[in-house]
């Protein structure tokens, strides 16, 4: 992905998947994020980093893309993860609730949070269509018109009560299943979550650790993006 392309509006995603020990599965998810339908490398999508923890059996894939293409990239990666990761046999000390467990999304350059919310809702609809049994709970910019916060939704749905999550009525899709439940939003400081029944309280605390750790990387990307834009502007003035 060429960051120097004029007018390229950038976003980034931290795709958390419940697999680290089988490297080929992680690689296949990465490939799905990077490739177009024709198998060619997408010129507006890059994978900046892959962080895998063997004990947690969890990987965080940092994807950067134009806002127009990020949703397609995430969708392809999620479909591959759901296809490849069997949560009935998944083991790791990190509590996890789905094959795809968390997807924080950040606007990096020239993108409004509201646009990201639209991408999130489109992604949710496509996932429900592509992944049988998928369920979606919306919050933040994706939760229209209420735009309820993550805290509000957790209280309303009883996230920390260890209730029977299969009894919940999702915003999209069917009741949560072992592999395919998700909670979704799109804000600069709030995560897009993929949820299924399990140790929800512990999972949320630990996923926020990942979120805080990797936000530094995205801050660096944002700084570099701004530096590139400034350099391009300076070069343009010199040429004119």
C-alpha atoms as a PDB file:
ATOM      1  CA  UNK A   1       0.000   0.000   0.000  1.00  0.00           C
ATOM      2  CA  UNK A   2       1.519   3.306  -1.035  1.00  0.00           C
ATOM      3  CA  UNK A   3       1.034   5.830   1.786  1.00  0.00           C
ATOM      4  CA  UNK A   4       2.195   8.642  -0.485  1.00  0.00           C
ATOM      5  CA  UNK A   5      -0.757   8.336  -2.814  1.00  0.00           C
ATOM      6  CA  UNK A   6      -2.557  11.722  -2.800  1.00  0.00           C
ATOM      7  CA  UNK A   7      -5.935  11.652  -1.091  1.00  0.00           C
ATOM      8  CA  UNK A   8      -5.629   8.116   0.297  1.00  0.00           C
ATOM      9  CA  UNK A   9      -7.795   7.997   3.416  1.00  0.00           C
ATOM     10  CA  UNK A  10      -6.343   5.492   5.849  1.00  0.00           C
ATOM     11  CA  UNK A  11      -7.792   3.296   8.574  1.00  0.00           C
ATOM     12  CA  UNK A  12      -6.323   0.513  10.696  1.00  0.00           C
ATOM     13  CA  UNK A  13      -7.696  -2.602  12.349  1.00  0.00           C
ATOM     14  CA  UNK A  14      -6.370  -4.870  15.100  1.00  0.00           C
ATOM     15  CA  UNK A  15      -7.853  -8.250  14.225  1.00  0.00           C
ATOM     16  CA  UNK A  16      -7.733 -10.574  17.252  1.00  0.00           C
ATOM     17  CA  UNK A  17      -8.117 -14.256  16.403  1.00  0.00           C
ATOM     18  CA  UNK A  18      -8.111 -17.237  18.757  1.00  0.00           C
ATOM     19  CA  UNK A  19      -5.134 -19.010  17.199  1.00  0.00           C
ATOM     20  CA  UNK A  20      -1.349 -18.699  17.537  1.00  0.00           C
ATOM     21  CA  UNK A  21       0.048 -22.228  17.754  1.00  0.00           C
ATOM     22  CA  UNK A  22      -0.849 -23.316  14.249  1.00  0.00           C
ATOM     23  CA  UNK A  23       1.131 -20.803  12.241  1.00  0.00           C
ATOM     24  CA  UNK A  24      -0.372 -21.823   8.921  1.00  0.00           C
ATOM     25  CA  UNK A  25      -3.851 -20.794  10.084  1.00  0.00           C
ATOM     26  CA  UNK A  26      -2.624 -17.348  11.100  1.00  0.00           C
ATOM     27  CA  UNK A  27      -0.838 -17.024   7.758  1.00  0.00           C
ATOM     28  CA  UNK A  28      -3.992 -18.012   5.871  1.00  0.00           C
ATOM     29  CA  UNK A  29      -5.994 -15.347   7.711  1.00  0.00           C
ATOM     30  CA  UNK A  30      -3.327 -12.778   6.832  1.00  0.00           C
ATOM     31  CA  UNK A  31      -3.379 -13.847   3.183  1.00  0.00           C
ATOM     32  CA  UNK A  32      -7.154 -13.535   3.100  1.00  0.00           C
ATOM     33  CA  UNK A  33      -6.867  -9.970   4.391  1.00  0.00           C
ATOM     34  CA  UNK A  34      -4.265  -9.036   1.789  1.00  0.00           C
ATOM     35  CA  UNK A  35      -5.548 -10.621  -1.402  1.00  0.00           C
ATOM     36  CA  UNK A  36      -8.246  -9.523  -3.805  1.00  0.00           C
ATOM     37  CA  UNK A  37     -10.794 -12.007  -5.139  1.00  0.00           C
ATOM     38  CA  UNK A  38      -8.590 -12.666  -8.174  1.00  0.00           C
ATOM     39  CA  UNK A  39      -5.719 -13.692  -5.911  1.00  0.00           C
ATOM     40  CA  UNK A  40      -3.639 -10.589  -6.569  1.00  0.00           C
ATOM     41  CA  UNK A  41      -2.158  -8.494  -3.756  1.00  0.00           C
ATOM     42  CA  UNK A  42      -4.422  -5.562  -2.967  1.00  0.00           C
ATOM     43  CA  UNK A  43      -2.496  -2.315  -3.411  1.00  0.00           C
ATOM     44  CA  UNK A  44      -4.553  -0.475  -0.763  1.00  0.00           C
ATOM     45  CA  UNK A  45      -4.188  -3.057   2.040  1.00  0.00           C
ATOM     46  CA  UNK A  46      -1.122  -3.867   4.157  1.00  0.00           C
ATOM     47  CA  UNK A  47      -0.473  -6.012   7.217  1.00  0.00           C
ATOM     48  CA  UNK A  48       1.806  -4.006   9.502  1.00  0.00           C
ATOM     49  CA  UNK A  49       2.364  -6.539  12.255  1.00  0.00           C
ATOM     50  CA  UNK A  50       1.465 -10.026  13.496  1.00  0.00           C
ATOM     51  CA  UNK A  51       1.691 -10.545  17.255  1.00  0.00           C
ATOM     52  CA  UNK A  52       1.171 -14.158  18.390  1.00  0.00           C
ATOM     53  CA  UNK A  53       1.192 -15.440  21.965  1.00  0.00           C
ATOM     54  CA  UNK A  54       1.618 -19.199  22.236  1.00  0.00           C
ATOM     55  CA  UNK A  55       0.331 -19.440  25.821  1.00  0.00           C
ATOM     56  CA  UNK A  56      -2.713 -17.319  25.078  1.00  0.00           C
ATOM     57  CA  UNK A  57      -3.143 -19.104  21.736  1.00  0.00           C
ATOM     58  CA  UNK A  58      -4.129 -15.739  20.330  1.00  0.00           C
ATOM     59  CA  UNK A  59      -2.838 -13.569  17.494  1.00  0.00           C
ATOM     60  CA  UNK A  60      -3.336  -9.889  16.777  1.00  0.00           C
ATOM     61  CA  UNK A  61      -3.058  -8.930  13.115  1.00  0.00           C
ATOM     62  CA  UNK A  62      -2.633  -5.211  12.429  1.00  0.00           C
ATOM     63  CA  UNK A  63      -4.209  -4.288   9.095  1.00  0.00           C
ATOM     64  CA  UNK A  64      -3.936  -0.858   7.460  1.00  0.00           C
ATOM     65  CA  UNK A  65      -6.087  -0.006   4.462  1.00  0.00           C
ATOM     66  CA  UNK A  66      -8.045   2.698   2.735  1.00  0.00           C
ATOM     67  CA  UNK A  67     -11.443   3.229   4.316  1.00  0.00           C
ATOM     68  CA  UNK A  68     -13.034   2.012   1.085  1.00  0.00           C
ATOM     69  CA  UNK A  69     -11.250  -1.357   1.250  1.00  0.00           C
ATOM     70  CA  UNK A  70     -10.846  -2.079   4.960  1.00  0.00           C
ATOM     71  CA  UNK A  71     -14.269  -3.702   5.319  1.00  0.00           C
ATOM     72  CA  UNK A  72     -13.621  -6.135   2.471  1.00  0.00           C
ATOM     73  CA  UNK A  73     -10.231  -7.029   3.914  1.00  0.00           C
ATOM     74  CA  UNK A  74     -11.630  -7.678   7.398  1.00  0.00           C
ATOM     75  CA  UNK A  75     -14.541  -9.672   5.995  1.00  0.00           C
ATOM     76  CA  UNK A  76     -12.260 -12.000   4.043  1.00  0.00           C
ATOM     77  CA  UNK A  77      -9.984 -12.481   7.058  1.00  0.00           C
ATOM     78  CA  UNK A  78     -12.911 -13.185   9.386  1.00  0.00           C
ATOM     79  CA  UNK A  79     -14.480 -15.705   7.042  1.00  0.00           C
ATOM     80  CA  UNK A  80     -11.149 -17.544   6.839  1.00  0.00           C
ATOM     81  CA  UNK A  81     -10.754 -17.471  10.629  1.00  0.00           C
ATOM     82  CA  UNK A  82     -14.262 -18.784  11.237  1.00  0.00           C
ATOM     83  CA  UNK A  83     -13.624 -21.524   8.679  1.00  0.00           C
ATOM     84  CA  UNK A  84     -10.276 -22.600  10.129  1.00  0.00           C
ATOM     85  CA  UNK A  85     -10.566 -22.216  13.911  1.00  0.00           C
ATOM     86  CA  UNK A  86     -12.638 -24.792  15.790  1.00  0.00           C
ATOM     87  CA  UNK A  87     -13.630 -23.298  19.139  1.00  0.00           C
ATOM     88  CA  UNK A  88     -14.723 -26.702  20.440  1.00  0.00           C
ATOM     89  CA  UNK A  89     -11.066 -27.763  20.650  1.00  0.00           C
ATOM     90  CA  UNK A  90      -9.355 -24.377  21.062  1.00  0.00           C
ATOM     91  CA  UNK A  91      -7.128 -24.181  24.158  1.00  0.00           C
ATOM     92  CA  UNK A  92      -5.177 -21.302  25.697  1.00  0.00           C
ATOM     93  CA  UNK A  93      -4.853 -19.404  28.965  1.00  0.00           C
ATOM     94  CA  UNK A  94      -6.435 -16.316  27.380  1.00  0.00           C
ATOM     95  CA  UNK A  95     -10.236 -16.458  27.796  1.00  0.00           C
ATOM     96  CA  UNK A  96     -11.780 -16.310  24.332  1.00  0.00           C
ATOM     97  CA  UNK A  97     -15.335 -16.322  23.135  1.00  0.00           C
ATOM     98  CA  UNK A  98     -15.046 -16.681  19.387  1.00  0.00           C
ATOM     99  CA  UNK A  99     -12.726 -17.604  16.546  1.00  0.00           C
ATOM    100  CA  UNK A 100     -12.554 -13.861  15.903  1.00  0.00           C
ATOM    101  CA  UNK A 101     -12.605 -12.224  19.322  1.00  0.00           C
ATOM    102  CA  UNK A 102     -11.913  -8.521  18.943  1.00  0.00           C
ATOM    103  CA  UNK A 103     -11.540  -5.979  16.138  1.00  0.00           C
ATOM    104  CA  UNK A 104     -10.653  -2.443  17.236  1.00  0.00           C
ATOM    105  CA  UNK A 105     -10.749  -0.007  14.317  1.00  0.00           C
ATOM    106  CA  UNK A 106      -9.004   3.367  14.077  1.00  0.00           C
ATOM    107  CA  UNK A 107      -9.349   6.230  11.607  1.00  0.00           C
ATOM    108  CA  UNK A 108      -5.791   7.201  10.697  1.00  0.00           C
ATOM    109  CA  UNK A 109      -5.909   9.907   8.041  1.00  0.00           C
ATOM    110  CA  UNK A 110      -8.771  11.871   6.503  1.00  0.00           C
ATOM    111  CA  UNK A 111     -11.503   9.569   7.832  1.00  0.00           C
ATOM    112  CA  UNK A 112     -14.402  10.535  10.083  1.00  0.00           C
ATOM    113  CA  UNK A 113     -15.653   8.237  12.839  1.00  0.00           C
ATOM    114  CA  UNK A 114     -19.132   8.315  11.275  1.00  0.00           C
ATOM    115  CA  UNK A 115     -17.731   6.818   8.077  1.00  0.00           C
ATOM    116  CA  UNK A 116     -16.175   4.037  10.083  1.00  0.00           C
ATOM    117  CA  UNK A 117     -19.551   3.375  11.670  1.00  0.00           C
ATOM    118  CA  UNK A 118     -21.048   2.880   8.217  1.00  0.00           C
ATOM    119  CA  UNK A 119     -18.258   0.460   7.334  1.00  0.00           C
ATOM    120  CA  UNK A 120     -18.912  -1.436  10.567  1.00  0.00           C
ATOM    121  CA  UNK A 121     -22.622  -1.844   9.880  1.00  0.00           C
ATOM    122  CA  UNK A 122     -21.928  -3.030   6.352  1.00  0.00           C
ATOM    123  CA  UNK A 123     -19.353  -5.494   7.661  1.00  0.00           C
ATOM    124  CA  UNK A 124     -21.842  -6.816  10.222  1.00  0.00           C
ATOM    125  CA  UNK A 125     -24.478  -7.391   7.558  1.00  0.00           C
ATOM    126  CA  UNK A 126     -22.003  -9.158   5.299  1.00  0.00           C
ATOM    127  CA  UNK A 127     -20.721 -11.378   8.106  1.00  0.00           C
ATOM    128  CA  UNK A 128     -24.231 -12.454   9.068  1.00  0.00           C
ATOM    129  CA  UNK A 129     -24.806 -13.365   5.430  1.00  0.00           C
ATOM    130  CA  UNK A 130     -21.471 -15.124   4.893  1.00  0.00           C
ATOM    131  CA  UNK A 131     -21.076 -16.916   8.250  1.00  0.00           C
ATOM    132  CA  UNK A 132     -24.003 -19.169   9.258  1.00  0.00           C
ATOM    133  CA  UNK A 133     -24.951 -18.708  12.900  1.00  0.00           C
ATOM    134  CA  UNK A 134     -23.291 -15.318  13.259  1.00  0.00           C
ATOM    135  CA  UNK A 135     -24.868 -12.876  15.713  1.00  0.00           C
ATOM    136  CA  UNK A 136     -24.189  -9.160  16.121  1.00  0.00           C
ATOM    137  CA  UNK A 137     -24.625  -6.709  19.003  1.00  0.00           C
ATOM    138  CA  UNK A 138     -24.002  -3.096  18.016  1.00  0.00           C
ATOM    139  CA  UNK A 139     -22.738  -0.171  20.062  1.00  0.00           C
ATOM    140  CA  UNK A 140     -21.010   3.159  19.522  1.00  0.00           C
ATOM    141  CA  UNK A 141     -21.170   4.687  16.040  1.00  0.00           C
ATOM    142  CA  UNK A 142     -22.561   1.443  14.620  1.00  0.00           C
ATOM    143  CA  UNK A 143     -25.529   1.502  17.011  1.00  0.00           C
ATOM    144  CA  UNK A 144     -27.944   3.895  15.328  1.00  0.00           C
ATOM    145  CA  UNK A 145     -29.768   5.946  16.356  1.00  0.00           C
ATOM    146  CA  UNK A 146     -28.978   5.371  20.055  1.00  0.00           C
ATOM    147  CA  UNK A 147     -25.165   5.159  19.742  1.00  0.00           C
ATOM    148  CA  UNK A 148     -25.066   3.362  23.075  1.00  0.00           C
ATOM    149  CA  UNK A 149     -21.650   3.022  24.645  1.00  0.00           C
ATOM    150  CA  UNK A 150     -19.943  -0.263  25.411  1.00  0.00           C
ATOM    151  CA  UNK A 151     -20.636   0.279  29.124  1.00  0.00           C
ATOM    152  CA  UNK A 152     -24.337   0.857  28.467  1.00  0.00           C
ATOM    153  CA  UNK A 153     -24.683  -2.245  26.329  1.00  0.00           C
ATOM    154  CA  UNK A 154     -22.834  -4.424  28.813  1.00  0.00           C
ATOM    155  CA  UNK A 155     -25.203  -3.330  31.583  1.00  0.00           C
ATOM    156  CA  UNK A 156     -28.287  -3.809  29.412  1.00  0.00           C
ATOM    157  CA  UNK A 157     -27.279  -7.262  28.261  1.00  0.00           C
ATOM    158  CA  UNK A 158     -25.761  -8.449  31.548  1.00  0.00           C
ATOM    159  CA  UNK A 159     -22.282  -9.133  30.176  1.00  0.00           C
ATOM    160  CA  UNK A 160     -20.748  -9.866  33.599  1.00  0.00           C
ATOM    161  CA  UNK A 161     -23.503 -12.047  35.048  1.00  0.00           C
ATOM    162  CA  UNK A 162     -22.445 -15.267  33.276  1.00  0.00           C
ATOM    163  CA  UNK A 163     -25.974 -15.522  31.941  1.00  0.00           C
ATOM    164  CA  UNK A 164     -27.121 -17.798  29.139  1.00  0.00           C
ATOM    165  CA  UNK A 165     -26.039 -15.685  26.172  1.00  0.00           C
ATOM    166  CA  UNK A 166     -27.967 -17.917  23.781  1.00  0.00           C
ATOM    167  CA  UNK A 167     -31.116 -16.292  25.198  1.00  0.00           C
ATOM    168  CA  UNK A 168     -30.060 -12.825  24.029  1.00  0.00           C
ATOM    169  CA  UNK A 169     -31.633 -11.219  20.992  1.00  0.00           C
ATOM    170  CA  UNK A 170     -28.869  -9.796  18.776  1.00  0.00           C
ATOM    171  CA  UNK A 171     -29.121  -6.709  16.591  1.00  0.00           C
ATOM    172  CA  UNK A 172     -28.264  -8.827  13.556  1.00  0.00           C
ATOM    173  CA  UNK A 173     -28.197 -12.573  13.002  1.00  0.00           C
ATOM    174  CA  UNK A 174     -29.240 -15.400  15.300  1.00  0.00           C
ATOM    175  CA  UNK A 175     -28.725 -15.938  19.025  1.00  0.00           C
ATOM    176  CA  UNK A 176     -25.025 -16.248  19.957  1.00  0.00           C
ATOM    177  CA  UNK A 177     -23.375 -19.564  19.166  1.00  0.00           C
ATOM    178  CA  UNK A 178     -20.035 -21.003  20.256  1.00  0.00           C
ATOM    179  CA  UNK A 179     -18.160 -19.866  17.144  1.00  0.00           C
ATOM    180  CA  UNK A 180     -19.879 -16.903  15.619  1.00  0.00           C
ATOM    181  CA  UNK A 181     -21.292 -14.355  18.066  1.00  0.00           C
ATOM    182  CA  UNK A 182     -20.075 -10.762  17.850  1.00  0.00           C
ATOM    183  CA  UNK A 183     -20.584  -7.315  19.296  1.00  0.00           C
ATOM    184  CA  UNK A 184     -19.745  -4.507  16.950  1.00  0.00           C
ATOM    185  CA  UNK A 185     -18.979  -0.843  16.976  1.00  0.00           C
ATOM    186  CA  UNK A 186     -16.612   1.517  15.267  1.00  0.00           C
ATOM    187  CA  UNK A 187     -15.006   4.328  17.237  1.00  0.00           C
ATOM    188  CA  UNK A 188     -11.474   5.563  17.645  1.00  0.00           C
ATOM    189  CA  UNK A 189     -11.361   4.432  21.265  1.00  0.00           C
ATOM    190  CA  UNK A 190     -13.846   1.546  21.378  1.00  0.00           C
ATOM    191  CA  UNK A 191     -13.421  -1.992  20.084  1.00  0.00           C
ATOM    192  CA  UNK A 192     -15.431  -4.030  17.660  1.00  0.00           C
ATOM    193  CA  UNK A 193     -16.000  -7.287  19.551  1.00  0.00           C
ATOM    194  CA  UNK A 194     -16.784 -10.747  18.375  1.00  0.00           C
ATOM    195  CA  UNK A 195     -18.459 -12.611  21.238  1.00  0.00           C
ATOM    196  CA  UNK A 196     -19.778 -16.071  22.044  1.00  0.00           C
ATOM    197  CA  UNK A 197     -20.764 -17.592  25.427  1.00  0.00           C
ATOM    198  CA  UNK A 198     -17.882 -18.048  27.880  1.00  0.00           C
ATOM    199  CA  UNK A 199     -15.687 -16.185  30.370  1.00  0.00           C
ATOM    200  CA  UNK A 200     -16.768 -12.768  29.194  1.00  0.00           C
ATOM    201  CA  UNK A 201     -15.570 -10.706  32.155  1.00  0.00           C
ATOM    202  CA  UNK A 202     -11.988 -11.948  31.976  1.00  0.00           C
ATOM    203  CA  UNK A 203     -11.953 -11.779  28.186  1.00  0.00           C
ATOM    204  CA  UNK A 204     -12.912  -8.118  28.161  1.00  0.00           C
ATOM    205  CA  UNK A 205     -10.216  -7.140  30.648  1.00  0.00           C
ATOM    206  CA  UNK A 206      -7.502  -8.960  28.745  1.00  0.00           C
ATOM    207  CA  UNK A 207      -8.563  -7.744  25.328  1.00  0.00           C
ATOM    208  CA  UNK A 208      -8.263  -4.192  26.607  1.00  0.00           C
ATOM    209  CA  UNK A 209      -4.647  -5.000  27.470  1.00  0.00           C
ATOM    210  CA  UNK A 210      -4.092  -5.888  23.824  1.00  0.00           C
ATOM    211  CA  UNK A 211      -5.939  -2.740  22.788  1.00  0.00           C
ATOM    212  CA  UNK A 212      -3.775  -0.453  24.931  1.00  0.00           C
ATOM    213  CA  UNK A 213      -0.519  -2.170  23.970  1.00  0.00           C
ATOM    214  CA  UNK A 214      -1.110  -1.970  20.246  1.00  0.00           C
ATOM    215  CA  UNK A 215      -2.576   1.520  20.227  1.00  0.00           C
ATOM    216  CA  UNK A 216       1.007   2.768  20.475  1.00  0.00           C
ATOM    217  CA  UNK A 217       1.743   1.149  17.125  1.00  0.00           C
ATOM    218  CA  UNK A 218      -1.254   2.856  15.550  1.00  0.00           C
ATOM    219  CA  UNK A 219      -0.215   6.182  17.020  1.00  0.00           C
ATOM    220  CA  UNK A 220       3.144   5.702  15.321  1.00  0.00           C
ATOM    221  CA  UNK A 221       1.360   4.921  12.045  1.00  0.00           C
ATOM    222  CA  UNK A 222      -0.699   8.083  12.410  1.00  0.00           C
ATOM    223  CA  UNK A 223       2.410  10.187  13.034  1.00  0.00           C
ATOM    224  CA  UNK A 224       4.182   8.690  10.050  1.00  0.00           C
ATOM    225  CA  UNK A 225       1.132   9.230   7.864  1.00  0.00           C
ATOM    226  CA  UNK A 226       1.057  12.906   8.867  1.00  0.00           C
ATOM    227  CA  UNK A 227       4.783  13.223   8.201  1.00  0.00           C
ATOM    228  CA  UNK A 228       4.363  11.737   4.734  1.00  0.00           C
ATOM    229  CA  UNK A 229       1.509  14.130   3.936  1.00  0.00           C
ATOM    230  CA  UNK A 230       3.620  17.081   5.103  1.00  0.00           C
ATOM    231  CA  UNK A 231       6.552  15.953   2.962  1.00  0.00           C
ATOM    232  CA  UNK A 232       4.323  15.546  -0.088  1.00  0.00           C
ATOM    233  CA  UNK A 233       2.848  19.007   0.464  1.00  0.00           C
ATOM    234  CA  UNK A 234       6.324  20.520   0.729  1.00  0.00           C
ATOM    235  CA  UNK A 235       7.463  18.767  -2.443  1.00  0.00           C
ATOM    236  CA  UNK A 236       4.380  19.967  -4.295  1.00  0.00           C
ATOM    237  CA  UNK A 237       5.091  23.586  -3.324  1.00  0.00           C
ATOM    238  CA  UNK A 238       8.694  23.262  -4.479  1.00  0.00           C
ATOM    239  CA  UNK A 239       7.586  21.886  -7.856  1.00  0.00           C
ATOM    240  CA  UNK A 240       4.976  24.605  -8.412  1.00  0.00           C
END
